[in-house]
Amino acid sequence: MATNFAASARPVEGNASSPVRVLIYEDLQCADCLAFAEMLDEHLLPRYGFVAAFEHRDFPLPKHSWARDAAIAACFFDEQTPGMGLRFRRAAMAQIDDVNGGTFADFLADFASENQVDPMRAAAALSDARYKACVEASYQEGVMRGVKRTPTVFVMDQPFIERFDPEAISQAIEFAIEEARR
C-alpha cells in the first residue's frame, strides 16, 4: 500500500505532465459517464493520450444509491497500485445495470479479491475519512465550477456537458494543443 496518499490526488490518464488538461467530472453509476468512458478509450486516449492529461474527478449524484461509495472505493484503490483505481472506475461503470445498493458490497469484495486486495480492507475504506474527504473535495470543486450533471468534461475551461460527440471534444483538444504550443 502506498503511504503518500493525498486527498488532492486525482487519477490521470495520458500525459500527466502536459499543459493540456481535460477534467472529467464523473459519477460511477451514470450511464452517460459510461458512454464517455468508452469514447475516451476508443477515440480520445489513442489520439491525444500522448499530448493531453485526462484527469478524473468524482461527482457522485445524490440520485444514485451507490455512486458515492464507488467513488470512495476508487480513491482507496488509487492508493493501492498504479492504475487500480482507474480499473475500478471502469469496472463499476460497466456494471451499472447489474449492481444496486444491495449488491455493491459484493461487487466491491469481488473486485478487491480479483486484484489481490483484502476485501475487508476495501469495505473498511468506505468509512475512512481520508477517502471521503477526497471525494468531497472533488465534488465541491465541481460545484464551484458549475457542474450539475455528469459527465461534465472541461477541455481547459471549455465545458462539455452530459452528451457530446467525439469530434466536438476533439476540436477543443486540438485548439488547446495549439494554444499550449504558443
Protein backbone atom coordinates (compact mmCIF):
# COMPACT_ATOMS: atom_id res chain seq x y z
CA MET A 1 0.00 0.00 0.00
CA ALA A 2 1.26 3.47 -0.86
CA THR A 3 1.78 5.67 2.14
CA ASN A 4 1.76 9.07 0.47
CA PHE A 5 -1.94 9.27 -0.32
CA ALA A 6 -3.18 12.85 -0.60
CA ALA A 7 -6.84 13.84 -0.74
CA SER A 8 -5.97 16.12 -3.66
CA ALA A 9 -4.52 13.26 -5.73
CA ARG A 10 -6.51 12.58 -8.89
CA PRO A 11 -6.05 9.72 -11.32
CA VAL A 12 -4.67 10.85 -14.66
CA GLU A 13 -4.59 9.07 -17.99
CA GLY A 14 -2.45 10.20 -20.87
CA ASN A 15 0.46 12.59 -20.48
CA ALA A 16 0.32 13.70 -16.84
CA SER A 17 2.90 16.45 -17.43
CA SER A 18 1.04 18.03 -20.34
CA PRO A 19 -0.21 21.61 -20.00
CA VAL A 20 -3.34 20.48 -21.90
CA ARG A 21 -5.76 19.42 -19.16
CA VAL A 22 -9.05 17.60 -19.69
CA LEU A 23 -11.01 17.41 -16.42
CA ILE A 24 -13.64 14.68 -16.28
CA TYR A 25 -16.33 15.03 -13.60
CA GLU A 26 -17.96 11.62 -13.44
CA ASP A 27 -20.47 9.59 -11.47
CA LEU A 28 -19.57 5.91 -11.46
CA GLN A 29 -23.24 4.92 -11.57
CA CYS A 30 -24.06 7.13 -14.59
CA ALA A 31 -24.85 5.61 -17.99
CA ASP A 32 -23.74 8.79 -19.79
CA CYS A 33 -20.40 8.56 -17.95
CA LEU A 34 -20.04 5.00 -19.20
CA ALA A 35 -20.63 6.26 -22.76
CA PHE A 36 -17.97 8.93 -22.23
CA ALA A 37 -15.52 6.35 -20.80
CA GLU A 38 -15.99 4.31 -23.98
CA MET A 39 -15.38 7.45 -26.08
CA LEU A 40 -12.28 8.17 -24.02
CA ASP A 41 -10.91 4.64 -24.50
CA GLU A 42 -11.83 4.28 -28.17
CA HIS A 43 -11.22 7.78 -29.55
CA LEU A 44 -9.60 10.30 -27.25
CA LEU A 45 -6.80 8.43 -25.47
CA PRO A 46 -5.50 6.75 -28.63
CA ARG A 47 -5.47 10.09 -30.44
CA TYR A 48 -4.45 12.50 -27.66
CA GLY A 49 -3.07 10.42 -24.79
CA PHE A 50 0.50 11.41 -25.58
CA VAL A 51 -0.23 15.18 -25.62
CA ALA A 52 -3.02 15.70 -23.09
CA ALA A 53 -3.73 14.82 -19.47
CA PHE A 54 -7.18 13.36 -18.77
CA GLU A 55 -7.89 13.92 -15.07
CA HIS A 56 -10.72 12.05 -13.36
CA ARG A 57 -12.83 13.87 -10.77
CA ASP A 58 -15.59 12.34 -8.66
CA PHE A 59 -19.03 13.90 -8.84
CA PRO A 60 -21.44 11.33 -7.39
CA LEU A 61 -25.01 12.44 -7.95
CA PRO A 62 -27.34 12.17 -4.93
CA LYS A 63 -29.91 10.24 -7.00
CA HIS A 64 -27.57 7.26 -7.39
CA SER A 65 -27.62 4.81 -4.48
CA TRP A 66 -24.02 3.53 -4.64
CA ALA A 67 -22.17 6.23 -6.62
CA ARG A 68 -20.60 7.89 -3.55
CA ASP A 69 -19.41 4.56 -2.14
CA ALA A 70 -17.96 3.68 -5.55
CA ALA A 71 -16.09 6.99 -5.67
CA ILE A 72 -14.73 6.40 -2.15
CA ALA A 73 -13.65 2.89 -3.14
CA ALA A 74 -11.95 4.28 -6.27
CA CYS A 75 -9.91 6.63 -4.05
CA PHE A 76 -8.92 3.63 -1.92
CA PHE A 77 -7.90 1.59 -4.98
CA ASP A 78 -5.99 4.60 -6.40
CA GLU A 79 -3.75 4.27 -3.35
CA GLN A 80 -3.13 0.54 -3.69
CA THR A 81 -1.41 0.12 -7.04
CA PRO A 82 -0.96 2.48 -10.00
CA GLY A 83 -3.92 2.12 -12.32
CA MET A 84 -6.08 0.08 -9.96
CA GLY A 85 -8.42 2.97 -9.20
CA LEU A 86 -8.93 3.58 -12.91
CA ARG A 87 -9.66 -0.13 -13.44
CA PHE A 88 -12.19 0.01 -10.60
CA ARG A 89 -13.85 3.06 -12.16
CA ARG A 90 -14.20 1.24 -15.49
CA ALA A 91 -15.46 -1.94 -13.78
CA ALA A 92 -18.04 -0.05 -11.73
CA MET A 93 -19.41 1.77 -14.76
CA ALA A 94 -19.50 -1.48 -16.75
CA GLN A 95 -21.70 -2.99 -14.01
CA ILE A 96 -24.27 -0.17 -13.81
CA ASP A 97 -27.10 -2.48 -14.87
CA ASP A 98 -26.09 -5.32 -12.53
CA VAL A 99 -25.06 -3.56 -9.32
CA ASN A 100 -27.51 -1.90 -6.97
CA GLY A 101 -27.38 -0.58 -3.42
CA GLY A 102 -27.85 -4.11 -2.10
CA THR A 103 -25.18 -5.75 -4.27
CA PHE A 104 -22.49 -3.07 -4.23
CA ALA A 105 -20.71 -4.68 -1.25
CA ASP A 106 -20.42 -7.97 -3.16
CA PHE A 107 -19.16 -6.17 -6.26
CA LEU A 108 -16.55 -4.34 -4.16
CA ALA A 109 -15.41 -7.56 -2.46
CA ASP A 110 -15.15 -9.38 -5.80
CA PHE A 111 -13.10 -6.58 -7.37
CA ALA A 112 -10.80 -6.45 -4.36
CA SER A 113 -10.25 -10.22 -4.37
CA GLU A 114 -9.59 -10.28 -8.12
CA ASN A 115 -6.93 -7.60 -7.58
CA GLN A 116 -5.23 -9.24 -4.56
CA VAL A 117 -6.59 -6.68 -2.10
CA ASP A 118 -8.16 -7.78 1.17
CA PRO A 119 -11.94 -7.36 0.70
CA MET A 120 -12.30 -6.40 4.38
CA ARG A 121 -9.85 -3.51 3.89
CA ALA A 122 -11.76 -2.38 0.81
CA ALA A 123 -15.06 -2.44 2.73
CA ALA A 124 -13.49 -0.59 5.68
CA ALA A 125 -12.22 2.10 3.30
CA LEU A 126 -15.82 3.20 2.74
CA SER A 127 -15.75 4.64 6.27
CA ASP A 128 -12.25 6.15 6.05
CA ALA A 129 -12.34 9.94 6.47
CA ARG A 130 -9.38 10.43 4.06
CA TYR A 131 -11.19 8.79 1.16
CA LYS A 132 -14.47 10.51 1.98
CA ALA A 133 -12.58 13.84 2.03
CA CYS A 134 -11.04 13.04 -1.36
CA VAL A 135 -14.49 12.53 -2.89
CA GLU A 136 -15.99 15.54 -1.13
CA ALA A 137 -13.15 17.82 -2.28
CA SER A 138 -13.63 16.68 -5.86
CA TYR A 139 -17.40 17.15 -5.61
CA GLN A 140 -17.09 20.64 -4.12
CA GLU A 141 -14.56 21.61 -6.78
CA GLY A 142 -17.14 20.56 -9.37
CA VAL A 143 -19.86 22.59 -7.65
CA MET A 144 -17.56 25.63 -7.71
CA ARG A 145 -17.06 25.10 -11.46
CA GLY A 146 -20.83 24.91 -12.01
CA VAL A 147 -21.07 21.16 -12.56
CA LYS A 148 -24.62 19.87 -12.17
CA ARG A 149 -24.76 16.85 -14.49
CA THR A 150 -22.40 14.07 -15.43
CA PRO A 151 -20.28 13.69 -17.25
CA THR A 152 -19.13 17.26 -17.38
CA VAL A 153 -15.79 17.49 -19.13
CA PHE A 154 -13.65 20.61 -19.29
CA VAL A 155 -11.08 20.96 -22.03
CA MET A 156 -9.05 23.66 -20.39
CA ASP A 157 -12.04 25.88 -19.43
CA GLN A 158 -14.49 24.86 -22.17
CA PRO A 159 -17.27 22.65 -20.76
CA PHE A 160 -18.89 19.66 -22.46
CA ILE A 161 -21.96 18.50 -20.58
CA GLU A 162 -23.65 15.10 -20.46
CA ARG A 163 -23.79 14.04 -24.13
CA PHE A 164 -21.45 15.16 -26.89
CA ASP A 165 -19.72 13.62 -29.85
CA PRO A 166 -16.02 12.79 -30.13
CA GLU A 167 -15.48 15.33 -32.90
CA ALA A 168 -16.68 18.29 -30.80
CA ILE A 169 -14.37 17.48 -27.91
CA SER A 170 -11.54 16.61 -30.32
CA GLN A 171 -11.76 20.09 -31.83
CA ALA A 172 -11.46 21.63 -28.37
CA ILE A 173 -8.45 19.43 -27.56
CA GLU A 174 -6.82 20.38 -30.88
CA PHE A 175 -7.35 24.07 -30.07
CA ALA A 176 -5.89 23.59 -26.57
CA ILE A 177 -2.84 21.84 -28.05
CA GLU A 178 -2.28 24.76 -30.43
CA GLU A 179 -2.67 27.27 -27.58
CA ALA A 180 -0.17 25.33 -25.45
CA ARG A 181 2.39 25.46 -28.26
CA ARG A 182 2.27 29.27 -28.42
